[in-house]
């Protein structure tokens, strides 16, 4: 299993840790969104694909956008989804 960590404000009850099956990063994110529909719009676009502006770390390493397609998340790993920040 993979642990998914999300910001506390993403869920009504403040839960931040979830479990899902290992696999390609995009599939892990899609599976998480299917299991947690309340987070779907925060991680998937209208096309059902992971949003590229959400930062993703696997085991505390930021995964660059251009390497996400080839990233496989192993059992026992932690995926942290980080809300995008904007400012000036």
PDB file of N, CA and C in Angstrom:
ATOM      1  N   UNK A   1       0.838  -1.181   0.000  1.00  0.00           N
ATOM      2  CA  UNK A   1       0.000   0.000   0.000  1.00  0.00           C
ATOM      3  C   UNK A   1       0.884   1.247   0.000  1.00  0.00           C
ATOM      4  N   UNK A   2       0.292   2.324  -0.493  1.00  0.00           N
ATOM      5  CA  UNK A   2       0.937   3.631  -0.548  1.00  0.00           C
ATOM      6  C   UNK A   2       0.167   4.559   0.381  1.00  0.00           C
ATOM      7  N   UNK A   3       0.876   5.387   1.110  1.00  0.00           N
ATOM      8  CA  UNK A   3       0.241   6.407   1.935  1.00  0.00           C
ATOM      9  C   UNK A   3       0.160   7.695   1.134  1.00  0.00           C
ATOM     10  N   UNK A   4      -1.019   8.282   1.095  1.00  0.00           N
ATOM     11  CA  UNK A   4      -1.234   9.578   0.441  1.00  0.00           C
ATOM     12  C   UNK A   4      -1.427  10.605   1.550  1.00  0.00           C
ATOM     13  N   UNK A   5      -0.711  11.716   1.466  1.00  0.00           N
ATOM     14  CA  UNK A   5      -0.875  12.803   2.431  1.00  0.00           C
ATOM     15  C   UNK A   5      -1.356  14.034   1.678  1.00  0.00           C
ATOM     16  N   UNK A   6      -2.428  14.632   2.193  1.00  0.00           N
ATOM     17  CA  UNK A   6      -3.003  15.835   1.577  1.00  0.00           C
ATOM     18  C   UNK A   6      -3.143  16.924   2.641  1.00  0.00           C
ATOM     19  N   UNK A   7      -3.299  18.184   2.219  1.00  0.00           N
ATOM     20  CA  UNK A   7      -3.531  19.257   3.187  1.00  0.00           C
ATOM     21  C   UNK A   7      -4.824  19.025   3.971  1.00  0.00           C
ATOM     22  N   UNK A   8      -4.817  19.399   5.224  1.00  0.00           N
ATOM     23  CA  UNK A   8      -5.962  19.204   6.108  1.00  0.00           C
ATOM     24  C   UNK A   8      -7.227  19.886   5.577  1.00  0.00           C
ATOM     25  N   UNK A   9      -7.077  21.005   4.910  1.00  0.00           N
ATOM     26  CA  UNK A   9      -8.253  21.746   4.430  1.00  0.00           C
ATOM     27  C   UNK A   9      -8.926  21.084   3.227  1.00  0.00           C
ATOM     28  N   UNK A  10      -8.334  20.044   2.679  1.00  0.00           N
ATOM     29  CA  UNK A  10      -8.930  19.360   1.539  1.00  0.00           C
ATOM     30  C   UNK A  10     -10.095  18.466   1.924  1.00  0.00           C
ATOM     31  N   UNK A  11     -10.210  18.107   3.193  1.00  0.00           N
ATOM     32  CA  UNK A  11     -11.270  17.190   3.612  1.00  0.00           C
ATOM     33  C   UNK A  11     -12.115  17.828   4.701  1.00  0.00           C
ATOM     34  N   UNK A  12     -13.395  17.511   4.702  1.00  0.00           N
ATOM     35  CA  UNK A  12     -14.328  18.095   5.676  1.00  0.00           C
ATOM     36  C   UNK A  12     -13.979  17.707   7.107  1.00  0.00           C
ATOM     37  N   UNK A  13     -13.450  16.497   7.291  1.00  0.00           N
ATOM     38  CA  UNK A  13     -13.150  16.040   8.650  1.00  0.00           C
ATOM     39  C   UNK A  13     -11.688  16.253   9.054  1.00  0.00           C
ATOM     40  N   UNK A  14     -10.896  16.875   8.189  1.00  0.00           N
ATOM     41  CA  UNK A  14      -9.509  17.169   8.512  1.00  0.00           C
ATOM     42  C   UNK A  14      -8.555  16.003   8.382  1.00  0.00           C
ATOM     43  N   UNK A  15      -9.021  14.886   7.829  1.00  0.00           N
ATOM     44  CA  UNK A  15      -8.154  13.724   7.626  1.00  0.00           C
ATOM     45  C   UNK A  15      -7.078  14.066   6.598  1.00  0.00           C
ATOM     46  N   UNK A  16      -5.844  13.687   6.882  1.00  0.00           N
ATOM     47  CA  UNK A  16      -4.750  14.020   5.969  1.00  0.00           C
ATOM     48  C   UNK A  16      -4.043  12.800   5.388  1.00  0.00           C
ATOM     49  N   UNK A  17      -4.260  11.609   5.951  1.00  0.00           N
ATOM     50  CA  UNK A  17      -3.560  10.406   5.482  1.00  0.00           C
ATOM     51  C   UNK A  17      -4.551   9.373   4.969  1.00  0.00           C
ATOM     52  N   UNK A  18      -4.203   8.814   3.829  1.00  0.00           N
ATOM     53  CA  UNK A  18      -5.048   7.819   3.179  1.00  0.00           C
ATOM     54  C   UNK A  18      -4.159   6.712   2.641  1.00  0.00           C
ATOM     55  N   UNK A  19      -4.741   5.569   2.335  1.00  0.00           N
ATOM     56  CA  UNK A  19      -4.016   4.434   1.771  1.00  0.00           C
ATOM     57  C   UNK A  19      -4.609   4.083   0.411  1.00  0.00           C
ATOM     58  N   UNK A  20      -3.750   3.707  -0.511  1.00  0.00           N
ATOM     59  CA  UNK A  20      -4.201   3.204  -1.807  1.00  0.00           C
ATOM     60  C   UNK A  20      -3.124   2.268  -2.339  1.00  0.00           C
ATOM     61  N   UNK A  21      -3.415   1.615  -3.443  1.00  0.00           N
ATOM     62  CA  UNK A  21      -2.485   0.639  -4.019  1.00  0.00           C
ATOM     63  C   UNK A  21      -1.328   1.335  -4.741  1.00  0.00           C
ATOM     64  N   UNK A  22      -0.201   0.650  -4.807  1.00  0.00           N
ATOM     65  CA  UNK A  22       0.985   1.142  -5.504  1.00  0.00           C
ATOM     66  C   UNK A  22       0.784   1.059  -7.016  1.00  0.00           C
ATOM     67  N   UNK A  23       1.669   1.725  -7.764  1.00  0.00           N
ATOM     68  CA  UNK A  23       1.619   1.687  -9.220  1.00  0.00           C
ATOM     69  C   UNK A  23       2.175   2.960  -9.822  1.00  0.00           C
ATOM     70  N   UNK A  24       1.943   3.179 -11.115  1.00  0.00           N
ATOM     71  CA  UNK A  24       2.385   4.416 -11.747  1.00  0.00           C
ATOM     72  C   UNK A  24       1.768   5.620 -11.026  1.00  0.00           C
ATOM     73  N   UNK A  25       2.537   6.694 -10.893  1.00  0.00           N
ATOM     74  CA  UNK A  25       2.096   7.858 -10.125  1.00  0.00           C
ATOM     75  C   UNK A  25       0.729   8.371 -10.567  1.00  0.00           C
ATOM     76  N   UNK A  26       0.509   8.507 -11.858  1.00  0.00           N
ATOM     77  CA  UNK A  26      -0.784   9.011 -12.341  1.00  0.00           C
ATOM     78  C   UNK A  26      -1.922   8.091 -11.912  1.00  0.00           C
ATOM     79  N   UNK A  27      -1.697   6.794 -11.947  1.00  0.00           N
ATOM     80  CA  UNK A  27      -2.737   5.845 -11.535  1.00  0.00           C
ATOM     81  C   UNK A  27      -2.979   5.899 -10.025  1.00  0.00           C
ATOM     82  N   UNK A  28      -1.925   6.109  -9.257  1.00  0.00           N
ATOM     83  CA  UNK A  28      -2.074   6.242  -7.805  1.00  0.00           C
ATOM     84  C   UNK A  28      -2.947   7.457  -7.491  1.00  0.00           C
ATOM     85  N   UNK A  29      -2.670   8.573  -8.152  1.00  0.00           N
ATOM     86  CA  UNK A  29      -3.460   9.792  -7.933  1.00  0.00           C
ATOM     87  C   UNK A  29      -4.905   9.588  -8.378  1.00  0.00           C
ATOM     88  N   UNK A  30      -5.115   8.956  -9.516  1.00  0.00           N
ATOM     89  CA  UNK A  30      -6.480   8.699 -10.003  1.00  0.00           C
ATOM     90  C   UNK A  30      -7.242   7.769  -9.059  1.00  0.00           C
ATOM     91  N   UNK A  31      -6.566   6.745  -8.565  1.00  0.00           N
ATOM     92  CA  UNK A  31      -7.197   5.808  -7.636  1.00  0.00           C
ATOM     93  C   UNK A  31      -7.584   6.520  -6.337  1.00  0.00           C
ATOM     94  N   UNK A  32      -6.679   7.370  -5.833  1.00  0.00           N
ATOM     95  CA  UNK A  32      -6.980   8.163  -4.645  1.00  0.00           C
ATOM     96  C   UNK A  32      -8.210   9.031  -4.887  1.00  0.00           C
ATOM     97  N   UNK A  33      -8.274   9.687  -6.038  1.00  0.00           N
ATOM     98  CA  UNK A  33      -9.418  10.549  -6.355  1.00  0.00           C
ATOM     99  C   UNK A  33     -10.712   9.745  -6.447  1.00  0.00           C
ATOM    100  N   UNK A  34     -10.642   8.530  -6.963  1.00  0.00           N
ATOM    101  CA  UNK A  34     -11.833   7.680  -7.053  1.00  0.00           C
ATOM    102  C   UNK A  34     -12.300   7.238  -5.671  1.00  0.00           C
ATOM    103  N   UNK A  35     -11.331   6.995  -4.781  1.00  0.00           N
ATOM    104  CA  UNK A  35     -11.657   6.558  -3.423  1.00  0.00           C
ATOM    105  C   UNK A  35     -12.087   7.717  -2.532  1.00  0.00           C
ATOM    106  N   UNK A  36     -11.678   8.936  -2.872  1.00  0.00           N
ATOM    107  CA  UNK A  36     -12.010  10.133  -2.093  1.00  0.00           C
ATOM    108  C   UNK A  36     -12.593  11.193  -3.033  1.00  0.00           C
ATOM    109  N   UNK A  37     -13.858  11.034  -3.429  1.00  0.00           N
ATOM    110  CA  UNK A  37     -14.463  11.982  -4.372  1.00  0.00           C
ATOM    111  C   UNK A  37     -14.427  13.427  -3.893  1.00  0.00           C
ATOM    112  N   UNK A  38     -14.368  13.646  -2.576  1.00  0.00           N
ATOM    113  CA  UNK A  38     -14.298  15.014  -2.067  1.00  0.00           C
ATOM    114  C   UNK A  38     -12.982  15.700  -2.429  1.00  0.00           C
ATOM    115  N   UNK A  39     -11.969  14.946  -2.811  1.00  0.00           N
ATOM    116  CA  UNK A  39     -10.679  15.509  -3.209  1.00  0.00           C
ATOM    117  C   UNK A  39     -10.475  15.504  -4.720  1.00  0.00           C
ATOM    118  N   UNK A  40     -11.393  14.905  -5.445  1.00  0.00           N
ATOM    119  CA  UNK A  40     -11.227  14.716  -6.891  1.00  0.00           C
ATOM    120  C   UNK A  40     -10.887  16.000  -7.636  1.00  0.00           C
ATOM    121  N   UNK A  41     -11.676  17.045  -7.415  1.00  0.00           N
ATOM    122  CA  UNK A  41     -11.466  18.290  -8.160  1.00  0.00           C
ATOM    123  C   UNK A  41     -10.168  18.993  -7.777  1.00  0.00           C
ATOM    124  N   UNK A  42      -9.576  18.599  -6.675  1.00  0.00           N
ATOM    125  CA  UNK A  42      -8.306  19.195  -6.262  1.00  0.00           C
ATOM    126  C   UNK A  42      -7.108  18.530  -6.927  1.00  0.00           C
ATOM    127  N   UNK A  43      -7.286  17.309  -7.447  1.00  0.00           N
ATOM    128  CA  UNK A  43      -6.146  16.584  -8.021  1.00  0.00           C
ATOM    129  C   UNK A  43      -6.324  16.178  -9.481  1.00  0.00           C
ATOM    130  N   UNK A  44      -7.574  16.143  -9.960  1.00  0.00           N
ATOM    131  CA  UNK A  44      -7.821  15.755 -11.354  1.00  0.00           C
ATOM    132  C   UNK A  44      -8.512  16.877 -12.115  1.00  0.00           C
ATOM    133  N   UNK A  45      -8.149  17.020 -13.378  1.00  0.00           N
ATOM    134  CA  UNK A  45      -8.801  17.991 -14.247  1.00  0.00           C
ATOM    135  C   UNK A  45     -10.075  17.416 -14.837  1.00  0.00           C
ATOM    136  N   UNK A  46     -10.779  18.214 -15.645  1.00  0.00           N
ATOM    137  CA  UNK A  46     -12.013  17.756 -16.274  1.00  0.00           C
ATOM    138  C   UNK A  46     -11.820  16.534 -17.174  1.00  0.00           C
ATOM    139  N   UNK A  47     -10.585  16.355 -17.665  1.00  0.00           N
ATOM    140  CA  UNK A  47     -10.274  15.200 -18.524  1.00  0.00           C
ATOM    141  C   UNK A  47      -9.965  13.937 -17.718  1.00  0.00           C
ATOM    142  N   UNK A  48      -9.985  14.051 -16.380  1.00  0.00           N
ATOM    143  CA  UNK A  48      -9.699  12.900 -15.534  1.00  0.00           C
ATOM    144  C   UNK A  48      -8.228  12.635 -15.305  1.00  0.00           C
ATOM    145  N   UNK A  49      -7.376  13.505 -15.798  1.00  0.00           N
ATOM    146  CA  UNK A  49      -5.929  13.360 -15.631  1.00  0.00           C
ATOM    147  C   UNK A  49      -5.449  14.215 -14.465  1.00  0.00           C
ATOM    148  N   UNK A  50      -4.358  13.802 -13.798  1.00  0.00           N
ATOM    149  CA  UNK A  50      -3.833  14.592 -12.684  1.00  0.00           C
ATOM    150  C   UNK A  50      -3.472  16.016 -13.114  1.00  0.00           C
ATOM    151  N   UNK A  51      -3.822  16.966 -12.260  1.00  0.00           N
ATOM    152  CA  UNK A  51      -3.489  18.363 -12.522  1.00  0.00           C
ATOM    153  C   UNK A  51      -1.980  18.552 -12.383  1.00  0.00           C
ATOM    154  N   UNK A  52      -1.388  19.216 -13.345  1.00  0.00           N
ATOM    155  CA  UNK A  52       0.063  19.374 -13.339  1.00  0.00           C
ATOM    156  C   UNK A  52       0.530  20.455 -12.369  1.00  0.00           C
ATOM    157  N   UNK A  53      -0.362  21.357 -11.960  1.00  0.00           N
ATOM    158  CA  UNK A  53       0.070  22.427 -11.055  1.00  0.00           C
ATOM    159  C   UNK A  53       0.037  22.022  -9.583  1.00  0.00           C
ATOM    160  N   UNK A  54      -0.475  20.835  -9.278  1.00  0.00           N
ATOM    161  CA  UNK A  54      -0.396  20.314  -7.916  1.00  0.00           C
ATOM    162  C   UNK A  54       0.998  19.699  -7.760  1.00  0.00           C
ATOM    163  N   UNK A  55       1.742  20.153  -6.755  1.00  0.00           N
ATOM    164  CA  UNK A  55       3.077  19.602  -6.528  1.00  0.00           C
ATOM    165  C   UNK A  55       2.956  18.220  -5.904  1.00  0.00           C
ATOM    166  N   UNK A  56       3.828  17.315  -6.331  1.00  0.00           N
ATOM    167  CA  UNK A  56       3.786  15.929  -5.869  1.00  0.00           C
ATOM    168  C   UNK A  56       5.176  15.517  -5.394  1.00  0.00           C
ATOM    169  N   UNK A  57       5.217  14.969  -4.191  1.00  0.00           N
ATOM    170  CA  UNK A  57       6.457  14.405  -3.658  1.00  0.00           C
ATOM    171  C   UNK A  57       6.241  12.919  -3.448  1.00  0.00           C
ATOM    172  N   UNK A  58       7.257  12.138  -3.764  1.00  0.00           N
ATOM    173  CA  UNK A  58       7.259  10.709  -3.455  1.00  0.00           C
ATOM    174  C   UNK A  58       8.422  10.488  -2.503  1.00  0.00           C
ATOM    175  N   UNK A  59       8.099  10.008  -1.311  1.00  0.00           N
ATOM    176  CA  UNK A  59       9.112   9.783  -0.276  1.00  0.00           C
ATOM    177  C   UNK A  59       9.974  11.035  -0.068  1.00  0.00           C
ATOM    178  N   UNK A  60       9.319  12.168   0.076  1.00  0.00           N
ATOM    179  CA  UNK A  60       9.954  13.462   0.377  1.00  0.00           C
ATOM    180  C   UNK A  60      10.788  14.036  -0.762  1.00  0.00           C
ATOM    181  N   UNK A  61      10.697  13.466  -1.943  1.00  0.00           N
ATOM    182  CA  UNK A  61      11.407  14.004  -3.109  1.00  0.00           C
ATOM    183  C   UNK A  61      10.387  14.596  -4.073  1.00  0.00           C
ATOM    184  N   UNK A  62      10.534  15.886  -4.393  1.00  0.00           N
ATOM    185  CA  UNK A  62       9.648  16.527  -5.352  1.00  0.00           C
ATOM    186  C   UNK A  62       9.821  15.874  -6.715  1.00  0.00           C
ATOM    187  N   UNK A  63       8.707  15.484  -7.324  1.00  0.00           N
ATOM    188  CA  UNK A  63       8.752  14.861  -8.647  1.00  0.00           C
ATOM    189  C   UNK A  63       8.502  15.959  -9.678  1.00  0.00           C
ATOM    190  N   UNK A  64       9.504  16.295 -10.493  1.00  0.00           N
ATOM    191  CA  UNK A  64       9.308  17.319 -11.520  1.00  0.00           C
ATOM    192  C   UNK A  64       8.197  16.918 -12.484  1.00  0.00           C
ATOM    193  N   UNK A  65       7.503  17.902 -12.991  1.00  0.00           N
ATOM    194  CA  UNK A  65       6.367  17.648 -13.892  1.00  0.00           C
ATOM    195  C   UNK A  65       6.759  16.782 -15.077  1.00  0.00           C
ATOM    196  N   UNK A  66       7.962  16.997 -15.605  1.00  0.00           N
ATOM    197  CA  UNK A  66       8.375  16.247 -16.792  1.00  0.00           C
ATOM    198  C   UNK A  66       8.780  14.802 -16.481  1.00  0.00           C
ATOM    199  N   UNK A  67       8.834  14.423 -15.193  1.00  0.00           N
ATOM    200  CA  UNK A  67       9.184  13.045 -14.831  1.00  0.00           C
ATOM    201  C   UNK A  67       8.018  12.285 -14.212  1.00  0.00           C
ATOM    202  N   UNK A  68       6.881  12.931 -14.083  1.00  0.00           N
ATOM    203  CA  UNK A  68       5.745  12.283 -13.438  1.00  0.00           C
ATOM    204  C   UNK A  68       5.236  11.082 -14.229  1.00  0.00           C
ATOM    205  N   UNK A  69       5.218  11.184 -15.544  1.00  0.00           N
ATOM    206  CA  UNK A  69       4.679  10.095 -16.365  1.00  0.00           C
ATOM    207  C   UNK A  69       5.467   8.806 -16.182  1.00  0.00           C
ATOM    208  N   UNK A  70       6.759   8.893 -15.925  1.00  0.00           N
ATOM    209  CA  UNK A  70       7.583   7.704 -15.782  1.00  0.00           C
ATOM    210  C   UNK A  70       7.811   7.268 -14.338  1.00  0.00           C
ATOM    211  N   UNK A  71       7.178   7.950 -13.394  1.00  0.00           N
ATOM    212  CA  UNK A  71       7.398   7.639 -11.983  1.00  0.00           C
ATOM    213  C   UNK A  71       6.470   6.529 -11.517  1.00  0.00           C
ATOM    214  N   UNK A  72       7.043   5.502 -10.913  1.00  0.00           N
ATOM    215  CA  UNK A  72       6.280   4.396 -10.340  1.00  0.00           C
ATOM    216  C   UNK A  72       6.418   4.480  -8.827  1.00  0.00           C
ATOM    217  N   UNK A  73       5.291   4.393  -8.137  1.00  0.00           N
ATOM    218  CA  UNK A  73       5.262   4.466  -6.680  1.00  0.00           C
ATOM    219  C   UNK A  73       5.222   3.048  -6.124  1.00  0.00           C
ATOM    220  N   UNK A  74       6.224   2.710  -5.334  1.00  0.00           N
ATOM    221  CA  UNK A  74       6.350   1.361  -4.786  1.00  0.00           C
ATOM    222  C   UNK A  74       5.543   1.199  -3.497  1.00  0.00           C
ATOM    223  N   UNK A  75       5.210  -0.051  -3.185  1.00  0.00           N
ATOM    224  CA  UNK A  75       4.580  -0.355  -1.900  1.00  0.00           C
ATOM    225  C   UNK A  75       5.428   0.214  -0.775  1.00  0.00           C
ATOM    226  N   UNK A  76       4.761   0.800   0.218  1.00  0.00           N
ATOM    227  CA  UNK A  76       5.457   1.362   1.365  1.00  0.00           C
ATOM    228  C   UNK A  76       5.876   2.806   1.182  1.00  0.00           C
ATOM    229  N   UNK A  77       5.682   3.348  -0.018  1.00  0.00           N
ATOM    230  CA  UNK A  77       6.046   4.738  -0.279  1.00  0.00           C
ATOM    231  C   UNK A  77       4.979   5.688   0.239  1.00  0.00           C
ATOM    232  N   UNK A  78       5.379   6.962   0.333  1.00  0.00           N
ATOM    233  CA  UNK A  78       4.450   8.021   0.719  1.00  0.00           C
ATOM    234  C   UNK A  78       4.398   9.040  -0.396  1.00  0.00           C
ATOM    235  N   UNK A  79       3.188   9.386  -0.826  1.00  0.00           N
ATOM    236  CA  UNK A  79       2.969  10.426  -1.834  1.00  0.00           C
ATOM    237  C   UNK A  79       2.333  11.607  -1.121  1.00  0.00           C
ATOM    238  N   UNK A  80       2.975  12.758  -1.212  1.00  0.00           N
ATOM    239  CA  UNK A  80       2.441  13.974  -0.613  1.00  0.00           C
ATOM    240  C   UNK A  80       1.962  14.884  -1.733  1.00  0.00           C
ATOM    241  N   UNK A  81       0.705  15.287  -1.657  1.00  0.00           N
ATOM    242  CA  UNK A  81       0.121  16.202  -2.635  1.00  0.00           C
ATOM    243  C   UNK A  81       0.078  17.577  -2.002  1.00  0.00           C
ATOM    244  N   UNK A  82       0.702  18.547  -2.656  1.00  0.00           N
ATOM    245  CA  UNK A  82       0.853  19.875  -2.089  1.00  0.00           C
ATOM    246  C   UNK A  82       0.051  20.870  -2.923  1.00  0.00           C
ATOM    247  N   UNK A  83      -0.830  21.583  -2.238  1.00  0.00           N
ATOM    248  CA  UNK A  83      -1.677  22.573  -2.910  1.00  0.00           C
ATOM    249  C   UNK A  83      -0.786  23.642  -3.551  1.00  0.00           C
ATOM    250  N   UNK A  84      -1.165  24.088  -4.750  1.00  0.00           N
ATOM    251  CA  UNK A  84      -0.383  25.144  -5.396  1.00  0.00           C
ATOM    252  C   UNK A  84      -0.522  26.455  -4.631  1.00  0.00           C
ATOM    253  N   UNK A  85       0.524  27.252  -4.675  1.00  0.00           N
ATOM    254  CA  UNK A  85       0.529  28.548  -4.009  1.00  0.00           C
ATOM    255  C   UNK A  85       0.675  29.631  -5.074  1.00  0.00           C
ATOM    256  N   UNK A  86       0.008  30.723  -4.843  1.00  0.00           N
ATOM    257  CA  UNK A  86       0.147  31.873  -5.725  1.00  0.00           C
ATOM    258  C   UNK A  86       0.354  33.091  -4.849  1.00  0.00           C
ATOM    259  N   UNK A  87       0.988  34.043  -5.387  1.00  0.00           N
ATOM    260  CA  UNK A  87       1.222  35.256  -4.603  1.00  0.00           C
ATOM    261  C   UNK A  87       2.039  36.256  -5.395  1.00  0.00           C
ATOM    262  N   UNK A  88       2.309  37.313  -4.757  1.00  0.00           N
ATOM    263  CA  UNK A  88       3.047  38.341  -5.468  1.00  0.00           C
ATOM    264  C   UNK A  88       3.977  39.065  -4.578  1.00  0.00           C
TER     265      UNK A  88
END
